[in-house]
Amino acid sequence: MGLISGLLLLPITGPVRGFQFFLERLRDEAESVLHDEGRAFAELIDLSMRHDAGQLSDAEFSMQEAALLERLNSIREYRDDLLDAERDGADDGSSDAESDAVEQDR
């Protein structure tokens, strides 16, 4: 898009881009809360304390505890997948650099 057309369309594209930026930040924050292992542990401790205080029945505690433990497992799987992807990316880059170095030595 050219400079003049960009300036002329700014009243239309500006709010759209601003709203898109806002939605991206909102998504990033939601993902960080969803994948926060510390928050899940804190909720599990809070749940246990409420059960010990008699605020939750055994059935409610078991149901909510199972949901939190499942969430913790999914957070750990997500984290492990990210670490594996980073390692794979690093391994690919280092092997390319090594093969380039071997070719240069020939």
PDB file of N, CA and C in Angstrom:
ATOM      1  N   MET A   1       0.860  -1.160   0.000  1.00  0.00           N
ATOM      2  CA  MET A   1       0.000   0.000   0.000  1.00  0.00           C
ATOM      3  C   MET A   1       0.910   1.227   0.000  1.00  0.00           C
ATOM      4  N   GLY A   2       0.589   2.136  -0.839  1.00  0.00           N
ATOM      5  CA  GLY A   2       1.401   3.331  -0.968  1.00  0.00           C
ATOM      6  C   GLY A   2       1.187   4.289   0.188  1.00  0.00           C
ATOM      7  N   LEU A   3       2.021   5.272   0.261  1.00  0.00           N
ATOM      8  CA  LEU A   3       1.969   6.256   1.340  1.00  0.00           C
ATOM      9  C   LEU A   3       0.674   7.058   1.298  1.00  0.00           C
ATOM     10  N   ILE A   4       0.288   7.508   0.128  1.00  0.00           N
ATOM     11  CA  ILE A   4      -0.919   8.340   0.020  1.00  0.00           C
ATOM     12  C   ILE A   4      -2.168   7.521   0.314  1.00  0.00           C
ATOM     13  N   SER A   5      -2.246   6.318  -0.248  1.00  0.00           N
ATOM     14  CA  SER A   5      -3.431   5.496   0.022  1.00  0.00           C
ATOM     15  C   SER A   5      -3.467   5.084   1.495  1.00  0.00           C
ATOM     16  N   GLY A   6      -2.309   4.847   2.089  1.00  0.00           N
ATOM     17  CA  GLY A   6      -2.260   4.531   3.518  1.00  0.00           C
ATOM     18  C   GLY A   6      -2.779   5.666   4.368  1.00  0.00           C
ATOM     19  N   LEU A   7      -2.406   6.896   4.008  1.00  0.00           N
ATOM     20  CA  LEU A   7      -2.885   8.067   4.758  1.00  0.00           C
ATOM     21  C   LEU A   7      -4.379   8.297   4.548  1.00  0.00           C
ATOM     22  N   LEU A   8      -4.836   8.094   3.322  1.00  0.00           N
ATOM     23  CA  LEU A   8      -6.259   8.299   3.051  1.00  0.00           C
ATOM     24  C   LEU A   8      -7.142   7.250   3.723  1.00  0.00           C
ATOM     25  N   LEU A   9      -6.630   6.028   3.857  1.00  0.00           N
ATOM     26  CA  LEU A   9      -7.402   4.949   4.480  1.00  0.00           C
ATOM     27  C   LEU A   9      -7.192   4.860   5.992  1.00  0.00           C
ATOM     28  N   LEU A  10      -6.353   5.716   6.546  1.00  0.00           N
ATOM     29  CA  LEU A  10      -6.054   5.678   7.979  1.00  0.00           C
ATOM     30  C   LEU A  10      -7.293   5.791   8.861  1.00  0.00           C
ATOM     31  N   PRO A  11      -8.279   6.628   8.533  1.00  0.00           N
ATOM     32  CA  PRO A  11      -9.470   6.666   9.390  1.00  0.00           C
ATOM     33  C   PRO A  11     -10.225   5.341   9.443  1.00  0.00           C
ATOM     34  N   ILE A  12     -10.069   4.528   8.432  1.00  0.00           N
ATOM     35  CA  ILE A  12     -10.733   3.224   8.414  1.00  0.00           C
ATOM     36  C   ILE A  12      -9.831   2.143   9.005  1.00  0.00           C
ATOM     37  N   THR A  13      -8.582   2.109   8.559  1.00  0.00           N
ATOM     38  CA  THR A  13      -7.676   1.043   8.987  1.00  0.00           C
ATOM     39  C   THR A  13      -7.115   1.264  10.386  1.00  0.00           C
ATOM     40  N   GLY A  14      -7.039   2.496  10.824  1.00  0.00           N
ATOM     41  CA  GLY A  14      -6.491   2.792  12.156  1.00  0.00           C
ATOM     42  C   GLY A  14      -7.262   2.114  13.272  1.00  0.00           C
ATOM     43  N   PRO A  15      -8.583   2.336  13.355  1.00  0.00           N
ATOM     44  CA  PRO A  15      -9.346   1.660  14.409  1.00  0.00           C
ATOM     45  C   PRO A  15      -9.333   0.140  14.286  1.00  0.00           C
ATOM     46  N   VAL A  16      -9.328  -0.354  13.067  1.00  0.00           N
ATOM     47  CA  VAL A  16      -9.293  -1.807  12.865  1.00  0.00           C
ATOM     48  C   VAL A  16      -7.981  -2.375  13.384  1.00  0.00           C
ATOM     49  N   ARG A  17      -6.883  -1.730  13.053  1.00  0.00           N
ATOM     50  CA  ARG A  17      -5.577  -2.194  13.533  1.00  0.00           C
ATOM     51  C   ARG A  17      -5.457  -2.048  15.044  1.00  0.00           C
ATOM     52  N   GLY A  18      -6.010  -0.980  15.587  1.00  0.00           N
ATOM     53  CA  GLY A  18      -5.999  -0.805  17.040  1.00  0.00           C
ATOM     54  C   GLY A  18      -6.792  -1.891  17.737  1.00  0.00           C
ATOM     55  N   PHE A  19      -7.949  -2.225  17.188  1.00  0.00           N
ATOM     56  CA  PHE A  19      -8.774  -3.286  17.768  1.00  0.00           C
ATOM     57  C   PHE A  19      -8.086  -4.635  17.633  1.00  0.00           C
ATOM     58  N   GLN A  20      -7.413  -4.873  16.500  1.00  0.00           N
ATOM     59  CA  GLN A  20      -6.668  -6.109  16.303  1.00  0.00           C
ATOM     60  C   GLN A  20      -5.525  -6.205  17.318  1.00  0.00           C
ATOM     61  N   PHE A  21      -4.824  -5.105  17.549  1.00  0.00           N
ATOM     62  CA  PHE A  21      -3.751  -5.075  18.541  1.00  0.00           C
ATOM     63  C   PHE A  21      -4.302  -5.401  19.933  1.00  0.00           C
ATOM     64  N   PHE A  22      -5.448  -4.800  20.271  1.00  0.00           N
ATOM     65  CA  PHE A  22      -6.084  -5.050  21.564  1.00  0.00           C
ATOM     66  C   PHE A  22      -6.447  -6.531  21.708  1.00  0.00           C
ATOM     67  N   LEU A  23      -7.020  -7.136  20.679  1.00  0.00           N
ATOM     68  CA  LEU A  23      -7.405  -8.546  20.736  1.00  0.00           C
ATOM     69  C   LEU A  23      -6.187  -9.461  20.862  1.00  0.00           C
ATOM     70  N   GLU A  24      -5.091  -9.115  20.195  1.00  0.00           N
ATOM     71  CA  GLU A  24      -3.870  -9.914  20.313  1.00  0.00           C
ATOM     72  C   GLU A  24      -3.317  -9.862  21.734  1.00  0.00           C
ATOM     73  N   ARG A  25      -3.326  -8.673  22.334  1.00  0.00           N
ATOM     74  CA  ARG A  25      -2.841  -8.551  23.723  1.00  0.00           C
ATOM     75  C   ARG A  25      -3.751  -9.313  24.678  1.00  0.00           C
ATOM     76  N   LEU A  26      -5.042  -9.249  24.450  1.00  0.00           N
ATOM     77  CA  LEU A  26      -6.003  -9.975  25.277  1.00  0.00           C
ATOM     78  C   LEU A  26      -5.775 -11.480  25.158  1.00  0.00           C
ATOM     79  N   ARG A  27      -5.535 -11.965  23.938  1.00  0.00           N
ATOM     80  CA  ARG A  27      -5.256 -13.385  23.718  1.00  0.00           C
ATOM     81  C   ARG A  27      -3.965 -13.800  24.425  1.00  0.00           C
ATOM     82  N   ASP A  28      -2.928 -12.978  24.316  1.00  0.00           N
ATOM     83  CA  ASP A  28      -1.657 -13.286  24.968  1.00  0.00           C
ATOM     84  C   ASP A  28      -1.817 -13.379  26.479  1.00  0.00           C
ATOM     85  N   GLU A  29      -2.575 -12.453  27.053  1.00  0.00           N
ATOM     86  CA  GLU A  29      -2.800 -12.474  28.507  1.00  0.00           C
ATOM     87  C   GLU A  29      -3.598 -13.698  28.914  1.00  0.00           C
ATOM     88  N   ALA A  30      -4.617 -14.045  28.140  1.00  0.00           N
ATOM     89  CA  ALA A  30      -5.422 -15.226  28.454  1.00  0.00           C
ATOM     90  C   ALA A  30      -4.580 -16.494  28.378  1.00  0.00           C
ATOM     91  N   GLU A  31      -3.696 -16.590  27.377  1.00  0.00           N
ATOM     92  CA  GLU A  31      -2.828 -17.752  27.269  1.00  0.00           C
ATOM     93  C   GLU A  31      -1.847 -17.830  28.429  1.00  0.00           C
ATOM     94  N   SER A  32      -1.331 -16.692  28.860  1.00  0.00           N
ATOM     95  CA  SER A  32      -0.383 -16.715  29.973  1.00  0.00           C
ATOM     96  C   SER A  32      -1.066 -17.140  31.266  1.00  0.00           C
ATOM     97  N   VAL A  33      -2.305 -16.717  31.465  1.00  0.00           N
ATOM     98  CA  VAL A  33      -3.050 -17.140  32.660  1.00  0.00           C
ATOM     99  C   VAL A  33      -3.384 -18.620  32.559  1.00  0.00           C
ATOM    100  N   LEU A  34      -3.777 -19.063  31.380  1.00  0.00           N
ATOM    101  CA  LEU A  34      -4.163 -20.453  31.181  1.00  0.00           C
ATOM    102  C   LEU A  34      -2.985 -21.395  31.380  1.00  0.00           C
ATOM    103  N   HIS A  35      -1.787 -20.974  30.991  1.00  0.00           N
ATOM    104  CA  HIS A  35      -0.612 -21.833  31.061  1.00  0.00           C
ATOM    105  C   HIS A  35       0.298 -21.497  32.244  1.00  0.00           C
ATOM    106  N   ASP A  36      -0.232 -20.846  33.273  1.00  0.00           N
ATOM    107  CA  ASP A  36       0.549 -20.486  34.453  1.00  0.00           C
ATOM    108  C   ASP A  36       0.466 -21.619  35.478  1.00  0.00           C
ATOM    109  N   GLU A  37       1.555 -22.350  35.600  1.00  0.00           N
ATOM    110  CA  GLU A  37       1.595 -23.493  36.512  1.00  0.00           C
ATOM    111  C   GLU A  37       1.493 -23.042  37.972  1.00  0.00           C
ATOM    112  N   GLY A  38       2.096 -21.917  38.305  1.00  0.00           N
ATOM    113  CA  GLY A  38       2.045 -21.410  39.674  1.00  0.00           C
ATOM    114  C   GLY A  38       0.630 -21.065  40.104  1.00  0.00           C
ATOM    115  N   ARG A  39      -0.139 -20.493  39.199  1.00  0.00           N
ATOM    116  CA  ARG A  39      -1.525 -20.144  39.502  1.00  0.00           C
ATOM    117  C   ARG A  39      -2.349 -21.408  39.743  1.00  0.00           C
ATOM    118  N   ALA A  40      -2.108 -22.445  38.943  1.00  0.00           N
ATOM    119  CA  ALA A  40      -2.837 -23.700  39.115  1.00  0.00           C
ATOM    120  C   ALA A  40      -2.490 -24.330  40.463  1.00  0.00           C
ATOM    121  N   PHE A  41      -1.212 -24.275  40.856  1.00  0.00           N
ATOM    122  CA  PHE A  41      -0.817 -24.789  42.172  1.00  0.00           C
ATOM    123  C   PHE A  41      -1.490 -23.993  43.288  1.00  0.00           C
ATOM    124  N   ALA A  42      -1.530 -22.675  43.136  1.00  0.00           N
ATOM    125  CA  ALA A  42      -2.177 -21.840  44.151  1.00  0.00           C
ATOM    126  C   ALA A  42      -3.665 -22.176  44.266  1.00  0.00           C
ATOM    127  N   GLU A  43      -4.317 -22.411  43.140  1.00  0.00           N
ATOM    128  CA  GLU A  43      -5.729 -22.795  43.182  1.00  0.00           C
ATOM    129  C   GLU A  43      -5.914 -24.147  43.850  1.00  0.00           C
ATOM    130  N   LEU A  44      -4.982 -25.061  43.621  1.00  0.00           N
ATOM    131  CA  LEU A  44      -5.043 -26.377  44.256  1.00  0.00           C
ATOM    132  C   LEU A  44      -4.865 -26.258  45.772  1.00  0.00           C
ATOM    133  N   ILE A  45      -3.962 -25.410  46.213  1.00  0.00           N
ATOM    134  CA  ILE A  45      -3.759 -25.192  47.645  1.00  0.00           C
ATOM    135  C   ILE A  45      -4.992 -24.534  48.259  1.00  0.00           C
ATOM    136  N   ASP A  46      -5.547 -23.539  47.566  1.00  0.00           N
ATOM    137  CA  ASP A  46      -6.754 -22.872  48.042  1.00  0.00           C
ATOM    138  C   ASP A  46      -7.909 -23.866  48.155  1.00  0.00           C
ATOM    139  N   LEU A  47      -8.022 -24.736  47.170  1.00  0.00           N
ATOM    140  CA  LEU A  47      -9.072 -25.749  47.184  1.00  0.00           C
ATOM    141  C   LEU A  47      -8.909 -26.677  48.384  1.00  0.00           C
ATOM    142  N   SER A  48      -7.685 -27.084  48.641  1.00  0.00           N
ATOM    143  CA  SER A  48      -7.418 -27.957  49.779  1.00  0.00           C
ATOM    144  C   SER A  48      -7.734 -27.261  51.104  1.00  0.00           C
ATOM    145  N   MET A  49      -7.390 -25.986  51.197  1.00  0.00           N
ATOM    146  CA  MET A  49      -7.666 -25.242  52.430  1.00  0.00           C
ATOM    147  C   MET A  49      -9.176 -25.075  52.643  1.00  0.00           C
ATOM    148  N   ARG A  50      -9.917 -24.809  51.571  1.00  0.00           N
ATOM    149  CA  ARG A  50     -11.368 -24.683  51.698  1.00  0.00           C
ATOM    150  C   ARG A  50     -12.002 -26.011  52.083  1.00  0.00           C
ATOM    151  N   HIS A  51     -11.451 -27.119  51.573  1.00  0.00           N
ATOM    152  CA  HIS A  51     -11.968 -28.440  51.947  1.00  0.00           C
ATOM    153  C   HIS A  51     -11.678 -28.727  53.417  1.00  0.00           C
ATOM    154  N   ASP A  52     -10.461 -28.407  53.865  1.00  0.00           N
ATOM    155  CA  ASP A  52     -10.090 -28.613  55.264  1.00  0.00           C
ATOM    156  C   ASP A  52     -10.923 -27.753  56.205  1.00  0.00           C
ATOM    157  N   ALA A  53     -11.325 -26.563  55.732  1.00  0.00           N
ATOM    158  CA  ALA A  53     -12.140 -25.666  56.554  1.00  0.00           C
ATOM    159  C   ALA A  53     -13.613 -26.065  56.546  1.00  0.00           C
ATOM    160  N   GLY A  54     -13.966 -27.041  55.736  1.00  0.00           N
ATOM    161  CA  GLY A  54     -15.342 -27.507  55.693  1.00  0.00           C
ATOM    162  C   GLY A  54     -16.229 -26.735  54.727  1.00  0.00           C
ATOM    163  N   GLN A  55     -15.647 -25.915  53.891  1.00  0.00           N
ATOM    164  CA  GLN A  55     -16.433 -25.140  52.935  1.00  0.00           C
ATOM    165  C   GLN A  55     -16.829 -25.951  51.710  1.00  0.00           C
ATOM    166  N   LEU A  56     -16.120 -27.066  51.472  1.00  0.00           N
ATOM    167  CA  LEU A  56     -16.417 -27.929  50.331  1.00  0.00           C
ATOM    168  C   LEU A  56     -16.676 -29.347  50.810  1.00  0.00           C
ATOM    169  N   SER A  57     -17.642 -29.999  50.183  1.00  0.00           N
ATOM    170  CA  SER A  57     -17.891 -31.407  50.497  1.00  0.00           C
ATOM    171  C   SER A  57     -16.824 -32.257  49.826  1.00  0.00           C
ATOM    172  N   ASP A  58     -16.752 -33.524  50.213  1.00  0.00           N
ATOM    173  CA  ASP A  58     -15.762 -34.423  49.623  1.00  0.00           C
ATOM    174  C   ASP A  58     -15.986 -34.589  48.124  1.00  0.00           C
ATOM    175  N   ALA A  59     -17.239 -34.654  47.702  1.00  0.00           N
ATOM    176  CA  ALA A  59     -17.547 -34.835  46.278  1.00  0.00           C
ATOM    177  C   ALA A  59     -17.126 -33.607  45.476  1.00  0.00           C
ATOM    178  N   GLU A  60     -17.433 -32.419  45.987  1.00  0.00           N
ATOM    179  CA  GLU A  60     -17.034 -31.181  45.297  1.00  0.00           C
ATOM    180  C   GLU A  60     -15.517 -31.067  45.230  1.00  0.00           C
ATOM    181  N   PHE A  61     -14.869 -31.395  46.350  1.00  0.00           N
ATOM    182  CA  PHE A  61     -13.411 -31.328  46.390  1.00  0.00           C
ATOM    183  C   PHE A  61     -12.803 -32.277  45.363  1.00  0.00           C
ATOM    184  N   SER A  62     -13.285 -33.504  45.316  1.00  0.00           N
ATOM    185  CA  SER A  62     -12.736 -34.493  44.382  1.00  0.00           C
ATOM    186  C   SER A  62     -12.917 -34.055  42.935  1.00  0.00           C
ATOM    187  N   MET A  63     -14.093 -33.518  42.638  1.00  0.00           N
ATOM    188  CA  MET A  63     -14.376 -33.089  41.273  1.00  0.00           C
ATOM    189  C   MET A  63     -13.467 -31.919  40.877  1.00  0.00           C
ATOM    190  N   GLN A  64     -13.359 -30.918  41.736  1.00  0.00           N
ATOM    191  CA  GLN A  64     -12.544 -29.741  41.424  1.00  0.00           C
ATOM    192  C   GLN A  64     -11.053 -30.078  41.429  1.00  0.00           C
ATOM    193  N   GLU A  65     -10.652 -30.979  42.329  1.00  0.00           N
ATOM    194  CA  GLU A  65      -9.256 -31.393  42.371  1.00  0.00           C
ATOM    195  C   GLU A  65      -8.867 -32.126  41.084  1.00  0.00           C
ATOM    196  N   ALA A  66      -9.743 -32.998  40.600  1.00  0.00           N
ATOM    197  CA  ALA A  66      -9.471 -33.725  39.358  1.00  0.00           C
ATOM    198  C   ALA A  66      -9.331 -32.747  38.191  1.00  0.00           C
ATOM    199  N   ALA A  67     -10.187 -31.737  38.153  1.00  0.00           N
ATOM    200  CA  ALA A  67     -10.109 -30.743  37.077  1.00  0.00           C
ATOM    201  C   ALA A  67      -8.795 -29.961  37.152  1.00  0.00           C
ATOM    202  N   LEU A  68      -8.377 -29.575  38.354  1.00  0.00           N
ATOM    203  CA  LEU A  68      -7.125 -28.830  38.508  1.00  0.00           C
ATOM    204  C   LEU A  68      -5.906 -29.689  38.168  1.00  0.00           C
ATOM    205  N   LEU A  69      -5.937 -30.953  38.574  1.00  0.00           N
ATOM    206  CA  LEU A  69      -4.815 -31.833  38.252  1.00  0.00           C
ATOM    207  C   LEU A  69      -4.726 -32.086  36.748  1.00  0.00           C
ATOM    208  N   GLU A  70      -5.878 -32.188  36.099  1.00  0.00           N
ATOM    209  CA  GLU A  70      -5.881 -32.332  34.644  1.00  0.00           C
ATOM    210  C   GLU A  70      -5.318 -31.075  33.980  1.00  0.00           C
ATOM    211  N   ARG A  71      -5.673 -29.915  34.527  1.00  0.00           N
ATOM    212  CA  ARG A  71      -5.145 -28.644  34.007  1.00  0.00           C
ATOM    213  C   ARG A  71      -3.632 -28.560  34.190  1.00  0.00           C
ATOM    214  N   LEU A  72      -3.137 -28.992  35.355  1.00  0.00           N
ATOM    215  CA  LEU A  72      -1.690 -29.002  35.595  1.00  0.00           C
ATOM    216  C   LEU A  72      -0.980 -29.921  34.601  1.00  0.00           C
ATOM    217  N   ASN A  73      -1.572 -31.089  34.350  1.00  0.00           N
ATOM    218  CA  ASN A  73      -0.964 -32.005  33.380  1.00  0.00           C
ATOM    219  C   ASN A  73      -0.931 -31.398  31.982  1.00  0.00           C
ATOM    220  N   SER A  74      -2.006 -30.718  31.602  1.00  0.00           N
ATOM    221  CA  SER A  74      -2.019 -30.105  30.270  1.00  0.00           C
ATOM    222  C   SER A  74      -1.011 -28.960  30.177  1.00  0.00           C
ATOM    223  N   ILE A  75      -0.833 -28.210  31.276  1.00  0.00           N
ATOM    224  CA  ILE A  75       0.170 -27.135  31.300  1.00  0.00           C
ATOM    225  C   ILE A  75       1.565 -27.727  31.132  1.00  0.00           C
ATOM    226  N   ARG A  76       1.832 -28.815  31.833  1.00  0.00           N
ATOM    227  CA  ARG A  76       3.150 -29.447  31.728  1.00  0.00           C
ATOM    228  C   ARG A  76       3.388 -30.019  30.335  1.00  0.00           C
ATOM    229  N   GLU A  77       2.356 -30.629  29.744  1.00  0.00           N
ATOM    230  CA  GLU A  77       2.495 -31.144  28.380  1.00  0.00           C
ATOM    231  C   GLU A  77       2.763 -30.004  27.398  1.00  0.00           C
ATOM    232  N   TYR A  78       2.051 -28.897  27.560  1.00  0.00           N
ATOM    233  CA  TYR A  78       2.244 -27.727  26.694  1.00  0.00           C
ATOM    234  C   TYR A  78       3.671 -27.205  26.834  1.00  0.00           C
ATOM    235  N   ARG A  79       4.145 -27.095  28.073  1.00  0.00           N
ATOM    236  CA  ARG A  79       5.511 -26.617  28.320  1.00  0.00           C
ATOM    237  C   ARG A  79       6.543 -27.572  27.716  1.00  0.00           C
ATOM    238  N   ASP A  80       6.319 -28.885  27.887  1.00  0.00           N
ATOM    239  CA  ASP A  80       7.247 -29.863  27.325  1.00  0.00           C
ATOM    240  C   ASP A  80       7.248 -29.820  25.801  1.00  0.00           C
ATOM    241  N   ASP A  81       6.075 -29.623  25.202  1.00  0.00           N
ATOM    242  CA  ASP A  81       6.001 -29.503  23.745  1.00  0.00           C
ATOM    243  C   ASP A  81       6.774 -28.283  23.260  1.00  0.00           C
ATOM    244  N   LEU A  82       6.650 -27.167  23.987  1.00  0.00           N
ATOM    245  CA  LEU A  82       7.400 -25.967  23.606  1.00  0.00           C
ATOM    246  C   LEU A  82       8.900 -26.194  23.725  1.00  0.00           C
ATOM    247  N   LEU A  83       9.320 -26.858  24.809  1.00  0.00           N
ATOM    248  CA  LEU A  83      10.749 -27.129  24.988  1.00  0.00           C
ATOM    249  C   LEU A  83      11.270 -28.068  23.910  1.00  0.00           C
ATOM    250  N   ASP A  84      10.472 -29.085  23.552  1.00  0.00           N
ATOM    251  CA  ASP A  84      10.884 -30.003  22.492  1.00  0.00           C
ATOM    252  C   ASP A  84      10.999 -29.272  21.159  1.00  0.00           C
ATOM    253  N   ALA A  85      10.056 -28.372  20.893  1.00  0.00           N
ATOM    254  CA  ALA A  85      10.094 -27.617  19.639  1.00  0.00           C
ATOM    255  C   ALA A  85      11.327 -26.715  19.599  1.00  0.00           C
ATOM    256  N   GLU A  86      11.673 -26.108  20.731  1.00  0.00           N
ATOM    257  CA  GLU A  86      12.865 -25.258  20.786  1.00  0.00           C
ATOM    258  C   GLU A  86      14.127 -26.080  20.584  1.00  0.00           C
ATOM    259  N   ARG A  87      14.157 -27.266  21.205  1.00  0.00           N
ATOM    260  CA  ARG A  87      15.332 -28.133  21.045  1.00  0.00           C
ATOM    261  C   ARG A  87      15.471 -28.593  19.601  1.00  0.00           C
ATOM    262  N   ASP A  88      14.332 -28.950  18.988  1.00  0.00           N
ATOM    263  CA  ASP A  88      14.375 -29.375  17.592  1.00  0.00           C
ATOM    264  C   ASP A  88      14.868 -28.249  16.708  1.00  0.00           C
ATOM    265  N   GLY A  89      14.422 -27.035  16.977  1.00  0.00           N
ATOM    266  CA  GLY A  89      14.873 -25.877  16.204  1.00  0.00           C
ATOM    267  C   GLY A  89      16.354 -25.624  16.403  1.00  0.00           C
ATOM    268  N   ALA A  90      16.818 -25.773  17.632  1.00  0.00           N
ATOM    269  CA  ALA A  90      18.236 -25.561  17.924  1.00  0.00           C
ATOM    270  C   ALA A  90      19.080 -26.673  17.307  1.00  0.00           C
ATOM    271  N   ASP A  91      18.570 -27.904  17.348  1.00  0.00           N
ATOM    272  CA  ASP A  91      19.305 -29.016  16.758  1.00  0.00           C
ATOM    273  C   ASP A  91      19.419 -28.850  15.251  1.00  0.00           C
ATOM    274  N   ASP A  92      18.350 -28.415  14.615  1.00  0.00           N
ATOM    275  CA  ASP A  92      18.378 -28.216  13.168  1.00  0.00           C
ATOM    276  C   ASP A  92      19.387 -27.142  12.794  1.00  0.00           C
ATOM    277  N   GLY A  93      19.417 -26.067  13.534  1.00  0.00           N
ATOM    278  CA  GLY A  93      20.338 -24.967  13.248  1.00  0.00           C
ATOM    279  C   GLY A  93      21.780 -25.362  13.459  1.00  0.00           C
ATOM    280  N   SER A  94      22.065 -26.130  14.521  1.00  0.00           N
ATOM    281  CA  SER A  94      23.445 -26.509  14.790  1.00  0.00           C
ATOM    282  C   SER A  94      23.935 -27.527  13.776  1.00  0.00           C
ATOM    283  N   SER A  95      23.078 -28.432  13.328  1.00  0.00           N
ATOM    284  CA  SER A  95      23.517 -29.418  12.355  1.00  0.00           C
ATOM    285  C   SER A  95      23.787 -28.752  11.016  1.00  0.00           C
ATOM    286  N   ASP A  96      23.017 -27.727  10.660  1.00  0.00           N
ATOM    287  CA  ASP A  96      23.276 -26.994   9.427  1.00  0.00           C
ATOM    288  C   ASP A  96      24.609 -26.267   9.510  1.00  0.00           C
ATOM    289  N   ALA A  97      24.881 -25.666  10.653  1.00  0.00           N
ATOM    290  CA  ALA A  97      26.143 -24.946  10.824  1.00  0.00           C
ATOM    291  C   ALA A  97      27.315 -25.916  10.782  1.00  0.00           C
ATOM    292  N   GLU A  98      27.145 -27.104  11.381  1.00  0.00           N
ATOM    293  CA  GLU A  98      28.214 -28.095  11.374  1.00  0.00           C
ATOM    294  C   GLU A  98      28.466 -28.600   9.960  1.00  0.00           C
ATOM    295  N   SER A  99      27.389 -28.859   9.206  1.00  0.00           N
ATOM    296  CA  SER A  99      27.577 -29.349   7.843  1.00  0.00           C
ATOM    297  C   SER A  99      28.210 -28.270   6.969  1.00  0.00           C
ATOM    298  N   ASP A 100      27.870 -26.995   7.199  1.00  0.00           N
ATOM    299  CA  ASP A 100      28.492 -25.900   6.454  1.00  0.00           C
ATOM    300  C   ASP A 100      29.980 -25.822   6.765  1.00  0.00           C
ATOM    301  N   ALA A 101      30.316 -26.018   8.033  1.00  0.00           N
ATOM    302  CA  ALA A 101      31.727 -25.959   8.436  1.00  0.00           C
ATOM    303  C   ALA A 101      32.509 -27.107   7.807  1.00  0.00           C
ATOM    304  N   VAL A 102      31.905 -28.291   7.729  1.00  0.00           N
ATOM    305  CA  VAL A 102      32.582 -29.440   7.124  1.00  0.00           C
ATOM    306  C   VAL A 102      32.805 -29.191   5.638  1.00  0.00           C
ATOM    307  N   GLU A 103      31.799 -28.611   4.965  1.00  0.00           N
ATOM    308  CA  GLU A 103      31.933 -28.320   3.545  1.00  0.00           C
ATOM    309  C   GLU A 103      33.023 -27.280   3.292  1.00  0.00           C
ATOM    310  N   GLN A 104      33.165 -26.307   4.180  1.00  0.00           N
ATOM    311  CA  GLN A 104      34.175 -25.278   4.005  1.00  0.00           C
ATOM    312  C   GLN A 104      35.574 -25.850   4.214  1.00  0.00           C
ATOM    313  N   ASP A 105      35.691 -26.854   5.080  1.00  0.00           N
ATOM    314  CA  ASP A 105      37.006 -27.478   5.314  1.00  0.00           C
ATOM    315  C   ASP A 105      37.483 -28.257   4.107  1.00  0.00           C
ATOM    316  N   ARG A 106      36.583 -28.725   3.249  1.00  0.00           N
ATOM    317  CA  ARG A 106      36.970 -29.545   2.086  1.00  0.00           C
ATOM    318  C   ARG A 106      37.598 -28.711   1.065  1.00  0.00           C
TER     319      ARG A 106
END
